[in-house]
N, C-alpha and C. Protein backbone atom coordinates (compact mmCIF):
# COMPACT_ATOMS: atom_id res chain seq x y z
N MET A 1 -39.56 -25.68 26.89
CA MET A 1 -39.45 -26.56 26.68
C MET A 1 -40.51 -27.29 26.83
N SER A 2 -41.76 -28.07 26.71
CA SER A 2 -43.08 -28.04 27.16
C SER A 2 -42.85 -29.58 27.58
N ASP A 3 -43.42 -29.97 28.83
CA ASP A 3 -43.67 -31.56 28.62
C ASP A 3 -43.56 -32.56 27.77
N SER A 4 -44.60 -32.14 26.86
CA SER A 4 -44.54 -33.23 26.02
C SER A 4 -43.59 -32.96 24.99
N ASP A 5 -43.23 -32.07 24.58
CA ASP A 5 -41.17 -31.52 24.03
C ASP A 5 -40.25 -32.61 24.85
N LEU A 6 -40.35 -32.26 26.02
CA LEU A 6 -39.20 -33.11 26.75
C LEU A 6 -39.51 -34.57 26.61
N ARG A 7 -40.72 -34.94 26.67
CA ARG A 7 -40.99 -36.32 26.77
C ARG A 7 -40.35 -37.03 25.03
N LYS A 8 -40.82 -35.84 24.50
CA LYS A 8 -40.86 -36.52 22.98
C LYS A 8 -38.98 -36.53 22.61
N HIS A 9 -38.35 -35.57 23.41
CA HIS A 9 -36.98 -35.48 23.56
C HIS A 9 -36.12 -36.62 24.16
N GLN A 10 -36.94 -37.15 25.27
CA GLN A 10 -36.09 -38.28 25.89
C GLN A 10 -36.78 -39.49 25.27
N TYR A 11 -37.63 -39.49 24.91
CA TYR A 11 -38.28 -41.22 24.00
C TYR A 11 -37.01 -40.88 22.99
N PHE A 12 -36.64 -40.05 22.35
CA PHE A 12 -35.97 -40.03 21.04
C PHE A 12 -34.22 -40.30 21.53
N SER A 13 -34.19 -39.95 22.62
CA SER A 13 -32.88 -40.39 23.26
C SER A 13 -32.78 -41.51 23.50
N GLN A 14 -33.50 -42.28 23.97
CA GLN A 14 -33.69 -43.28 24.70
C GLN A 14 -33.75 -44.30 23.42
N SER A 15 -34.45 -43.77 22.57
CA SER A 15 -34.33 -44.83 21.36
C SER A 15 -33.00 -44.94 20.54
N ILE A 16 -32.60 -43.55 20.68
CA ILE A 16 -31.03 -43.72 19.83
C ILE A 16 -30.15 -44.87 20.78
N GLU A 17 -29.85 -44.12 21.92
CA GLU A 17 -29.11 -45.24 22.80
C GLU A 17 -29.28 -46.55 22.50
N GLN A 18 -30.78 -46.98 22.31
CA GLN A 18 -30.73 -48.62 22.31
C GLN A 18 -30.57 -49.08 21.04
N ALA A 19 -30.55 -47.93 20.12
CA ALA A 19 -30.25 -48.50 18.62
C ALA A 19 -28.70 -48.45 18.35
N ILE A 20 -28.23 -47.79 19.12
CA ILE A 20 -26.51 -47.54 19.04
C ILE A 20 -26.07 -49.07 19.54
N ARG A 21 -26.77 -49.15 21.04
CA ARG A 21 -26.30 -50.65 21.99
C ARG A 21 -26.54 -51.91 21.08
N MET A 22 -27.80 -51.94 20.62
CA MET A 22 -27.85 -52.88 19.91
C MET A 22 -27.10 -53.35 18.55
N ALA A 23 -26.65 -52.25 17.86
CA ALA A 23 -25.33 -52.48 16.84
C ALA A 23 -24.23 -52.48 17.06
N ASN A 24 -24.18 -51.90 18.24
CA ASN A 24 -22.86 -52.53 18.92
C ASN A 24 -22.74 -54.12 18.97
N ARG A 25 -23.56 -54.42 20.19
CA ARG A 25 -23.76 -55.40 19.96
C ARG A 25 -23.91 -56.76 18.54
N GLU A 26 -24.68 -56.50 17.68
CA GLU A 26 -24.48 -56.88 16.43
C GLU A 26 -23.21 -57.42 15.96
N VAL A 27 -22.27 -56.27 15.83
CA VAL A 27 -20.99 -55.98 15.35
C VAL A 27 -20.05 -56.49 15.95
N LEU A 28 -20.21 -56.43 17.67
CA LEU A 28 -19.28 -56.70 18.45
C LEU A 28 -19.52 -58.30 19.09
N HIS A 29 -20.06 -58.60 19.09
CA HIS A 29 -20.13 -60.06 20.16
C HIS A 29 -19.76 -60.97 19.10
N PRO A 30 -19.66 -61.15 17.98
CA PRO A 30 -19.04 -62.22 17.10
C PRO A 30 -17.27 -62.08 17.26
N ILE A 31 -17.15 -60.72 17.57
CA ILE A 31 -15.40 -60.89 17.61
C ILE A 31 -15.01 -60.99 18.96
N VAL A 32 -16.12 -60.63 19.69
CA VAL A 32 -15.09 -61.20 21.67
C VAL A 32 -16.04 -62.63 22.49
N ASP A 33 -17.17 -63.33 21.73
CA ASP A 33 -17.68 -64.16 22.16
C ASP A 33 -16.65 -65.50 22.28
N PRO A 34 -16.66 -66.24 22.93
CA PRO A 34 -16.59 -65.75 24.26
C PRO A 34 -15.77 -65.00 25.35
N LEU A 35 -15.82 -64.12 26.23
CA LEU A 35 -15.05 -63.50 26.64
C LEU A 35 -15.21 -63.81 28.05
N THR A 36 -14.24 -63.99 28.18
CA THR A 36 -13.64 -64.55 29.79
C THR A 36 -12.81 -63.71 30.29
N GLN A 37 -12.88 -63.75 31.78
CA GLN A 37 -12.02 -63.40 32.80
C GLN A 37 -10.48 -63.29 32.12
N ALA A 38 -10.50 -64.38 31.79
CA ALA A 38 -8.94 -64.80 31.61
C ALA A 38 -8.37 -63.80 30.42
N LYS A 39 -9.49 -63.99 29.08
CA LYS A 39 -8.55 -63.18 28.36
C LYS A 39 -8.73 -61.70 28.40
N ILE A 40 -9.67 -61.35 29.38
CA ILE A 40 -9.92 -59.64 29.53
C ILE A 40 -8.00 -59.62 30.61
N LEU A 41 -8.09 -60.53 31.35
CA LEU A 41 -6.41 -59.97 32.34
C LEU A 41 -5.32 -60.25 31.24
N SER A 42 -5.54 -61.30 30.35
CA SER A 42 -4.24 -61.29 29.64
C SER A 42 -4.27 -60.28 28.87
N VAL A 43 -5.27 -58.97 28.71
CA VAL A 43 -4.46 -58.42 27.84
C VAL A 43 -4.16 -57.00 28.66
N ALA A 44 -4.67 -57.39 29.96
CA ALA A 44 -4.76 -56.20 31.17
C ALA A 44 -2.73 -56.62 31.23
N VAL A 45 -2.61 -57.70 31.53
CA VAL A 45 -1.16 -58.29 31.60
C VAL A 45 0.14 -57.34 30.59
N GLU A 46 -0.53 -57.64 29.19
CA GLU A 46 0.05 -56.99 27.96
C GLU A 46 0.47 -55.43 28.17
N VAL A 47 -0.76 -54.80 29.04
CA VAL A 47 -0.55 -53.57 28.56
C VAL A 47 0.14 -53.13 29.86
N ALA A 48 0.22 -53.63 31.17
CA ALA A 48 1.33 -53.64 31.99
C ALA A 48 2.49 -53.84 31.55
N LYS A 49 2.81 -54.75 30.66
CA LYS A 49 4.50 -55.07 30.01
C LYS A 49 4.68 -54.01 29.38
N ARG A 50 3.66 -53.59 28.86
CA ARG A 50 4.41 -52.32 27.62
C ARG A 50 4.24 -51.24 28.39
N ARG A 51 3.54 -50.65 29.66
CA ARG A 51 4.06 -49.70 30.44
C ARG A 51 5.22 -50.06 31.43
N GLY A 52 5.26 -51.31 31.38
CA GLY A 52 6.85 -51.29 31.89
C GLY A 52 7.81 -51.17 30.92
N HIS A 53 7.53 -51.95 30.02
CA HIS A 53 8.68 -51.17 28.59
C HIS A 53 9.10 -50.14 28.77
N TYR A 54 8.06 -49.20 28.67
CA TYR A 54 7.99 -47.69 28.59
C TYR A 54 8.87 -47.14 29.48
N ILE A 55 8.15 -47.12 30.86
CA ILE A 55 8.89 -46.40 32.18
C ILE A 55 9.98 -47.14 32.24
N ASP A 56 10.30 -48.51 32.02
CA ASP A 56 12.21 -48.83 32.08
C ASP A 56 13.04 -47.66 31.26
N ALA A 57 12.99 -47.78 30.01
CA ALA A 57 13.62 -47.04 29.22
C ALA A 57 13.60 -45.45 29.55
N THR A 58 12.25 -44.94 30.21
CA THR A 58 12.44 -43.72 30.67
C THR A 58 13.22 -43.65 32.04
N LEU A 59 13.75 -44.60 32.94
CA LEU A 59 14.12 -44.43 34.15
C LEU A 59 15.65 -44.13 33.20
N LYS A 60 16.16 -45.32 32.50
CA LYS A 60 17.82 -45.30 31.82
C LYS A 60 18.01 -43.41 31.52
N LEU A 61 16.76 -42.41 31.44
CA LEU A 61 17.58 -41.64 31.05
C LEU A 61 18.19 -41.25 32.45
N GLY A 62 18.31 -41.27 32.99
CA GLY A 62 18.65 -40.87 34.53
C GLY A 62 19.81 -41.86 34.99
N LYS A 63 20.15 -42.74 34.40
CA LYS A 63 21.11 -43.86 34.75
C LYS A 63 22.54 -43.38 34.41
N VAL A 64 23.18 -43.18 35.65
CA VAL A 64 24.53 -43.33 34.82
C VAL A 64 25.38 -44.24 34.78
N GLY A 65 26.52 -43.59 33.74
CA GLY A 65 27.10 -45.15 33.28
C GLY A 65 25.93 -46.00 32.21
N GLU A 66 25.12 -45.91 31.79
CA GLU A 66 24.14 -46.84 30.81
C GLU A 66 23.87 -45.65 29.50
N THR A 67 23.91 -46.09 28.66
CA THR A 67 23.55 -45.94 27.50
C THR A 67 22.33 -44.99 27.43
N PRO A 68 21.59 -44.11 27.83
CA PRO A 68 19.99 -43.85 27.32
C PRO A 68 19.29 -43.75 26.31
N PRO A 69 18.26 -43.90 26.00
CA PRO A 69 17.36 -44.95 24.97
C PRO A 69 17.24 -43.46 24.47
N SER A 70 16.99 -43.39 22.81
CA SER A 70 17.00 -42.20 21.67
C SER A 70 16.02 -41.93 22.00
N GLY A 71 15.12 -40.69 21.44
CA GLY A 71 14.36 -40.41 21.49
C GLY A 71 13.12 -41.02 20.67
N GLU A 72 13.47 -41.71 19.48
CA GLU A 72 13.06 -42.56 18.85
C GLU A 72 12.52 -43.91 19.51
N GLU A 73 13.62 -44.65 20.47
CA GLU A 73 13.53 -45.69 21.29
C GLU A 73 12.33 -45.08 22.12
N LEU A 74 12.78 -44.30 22.64
CA LEU A 74 11.56 -43.38 24.17
C LEU A 74 9.71 -43.95 22.69
N ARG A 75 9.98 -43.31 21.88
CA ARG A 75 8.54 -42.82 21.38
C ARG A 75 7.99 -44.43 20.70
N LYS A 76 8.73 -45.51 20.58
CA LYS A 76 8.33 -46.46 19.68
C LYS A 76 7.43 -47.14 21.60
N PHE A 77 8.23 -47.20 22.26
CA PHE A 77 8.07 -47.74 23.53
C PHE A 77 6.58 -46.80 24.48
N ARG A 78 6.47 -45.83 24.39
CA ARG A 78 5.43 -44.93 24.26
C ARG A 78 3.70 -45.11 23.80
N ILE A 79 4.66 -45.10 22.02
CA ILE A 79 3.19 -45.25 21.37
C ILE A 79 2.82 -46.91 21.72
N GLU A 80 3.55 -48.04 22.17
CA GLU A 80 3.12 -49.29 22.02
C GLU A 80 2.61 -48.93 23.18
N PHE A 81 2.78 -48.34 24.39
CA PHE A 81 1.79 -48.37 25.01
C PHE A 81 0.51 -47.62 25.17
N GLU A 82 0.82 -46.77 24.83
CA GLU A 82 -0.43 -46.03 24.34
C GLU A 82 -1.07 -46.54 23.72
N GLU A 83 -1.07 -47.37 22.99
CA GLU A 83 -2.17 -48.09 21.59
C GLU A 83 -2.71 -49.41 22.33
N ALA A 84 -1.99 -49.81 23.18
CA ALA A 84 -2.48 -51.35 24.22
C ALA A 84 -3.52 -50.67 25.03
N ARG A 85 -3.35 -49.21 25.71
CA ARG A 85 -3.99 -49.01 26.90
C ARG A 85 -5.04 -48.69 26.37
N ASP A 86 -4.92 -47.77 25.07
CA ASP A 86 -6.34 -47.34 24.45
C ASP A 86 -7.31 -48.83 23.74
N GLY A 87 -6.93 -49.40 23.81
CA GLY A 87 -7.55 -50.29 23.19
C GLY A 87 -8.15 -51.42 24.35
N PHE A 88 -7.33 -51.48 25.73
CA PHE A 88 -7.80 -52.03 26.83
C PHE A 88 -8.94 -51.24 27.47
N THR A 89 -8.77 -49.61 27.28
CA THR A 89 -9.68 -49.14 27.66
C THR A 89 -11.31 -49.30 26.96
N ALA A 90 -11.02 -49.06 25.35
CA ALA A 90 -12.43 -49.24 24.31
C ALA A 90 -12.79 -50.86 24.77
N LEU A 91 -11.97 -51.69 24.89
CA LEU A 91 -12.84 -53.14 25.64
C LEU A 91 -13.44 -52.90 26.91
N MET A 92 -13.05 -52.07 27.60
CA MET A 92 -13.71 -52.26 29.07
C MET A 92 -14.90 -51.00 29.26
N THR A 93 -15.10 -50.16 27.72
CA THR A 93 -16.38 -49.57 27.42
C THR A 93 -16.92 -50.63 27.21
N VAL A 94 -16.78 -51.36 26.39
CA VAL A 94 -17.63 -52.10 25.68
C VAL A 94 -18.72 -53.10 26.72
N ILE A 95 -17.46 -53.29 27.52
CA ILE A 95 -17.95 -53.84 29.04
C ILE A 95 -19.14 -53.33 29.43
N GLU A 96 -18.61 -51.91 30.00
CA GLU A 96 -19.94 -51.10 30.68
C GLU A 96 -21.09 -50.98 29.84
N ARG A 97 -20.62 -50.57 28.68
CA ARG A 97 -21.88 -50.18 28.53
C ARG A 97 -22.75 -51.13 27.96
N ASN A 98 -21.99 -52.37 28.09
CA ASN A 98 -23.38 -53.84 27.69
C ASN A 98 -23.40 -53.97 26.17
N TYR A 99 -22.19 -53.96 25.77
CA TYR A 99 -22.31 -53.99 24.08
C TYR A 99 -22.08 -55.59 24.24
N ILE A 100 -21.53 -55.98 24.82
CA ILE A 100 -21.34 -57.38 25.27
C ILE A 100 -21.75 -58.42 26.03
N ASP A 101 -22.11 -59.57 25.94
CA ASP A 101 -22.17 -60.51 27.22
C ASP A 101 -21.36 -60.74 27.84
N VAL A 102 -21.30 -60.96 29.23
CA VAL A 102 -20.25 -60.66 29.84
C VAL A 102 -20.29 -62.18 30.87
N PRO A 103 -19.52 -63.11 31.24
CA PRO A 103 -19.35 -64.04 31.78
C PRO A 103 -19.83 -63.81 33.47
N ILE A 104 -20.90 -64.25 33.56
CA ILE A 104 -21.19 -64.55 35.13
C ILE A 104 -21.27 -65.68 35.61
N ASN A 105 -20.51 -65.80 36.99
CA ASN A 105 -19.92 -66.58 37.91
C ASN A 105 -20.92 -67.11 39.09
């Protein structure tokens, strides 16, 4: 690839990245505005609670004298945790990629 082709490729890539960033900002900003640290932390706490429910149910599998959770119960807790975790990951990705404005303290 020649230097000229490389520059054209880099320019094209940067243009696409900028267009994607602008599209995401346009769509996401009205949804999350205003984003606060408290909102982010409240989501993190909810994810932790769902993780806790899943881990608690899992630990009951090994407790003597306690009725173990069914596979369906474990699946329910796992899905709730995984969906919450994935949603939080998506939120953090939005922040990291600068798709939204973040509070500056």
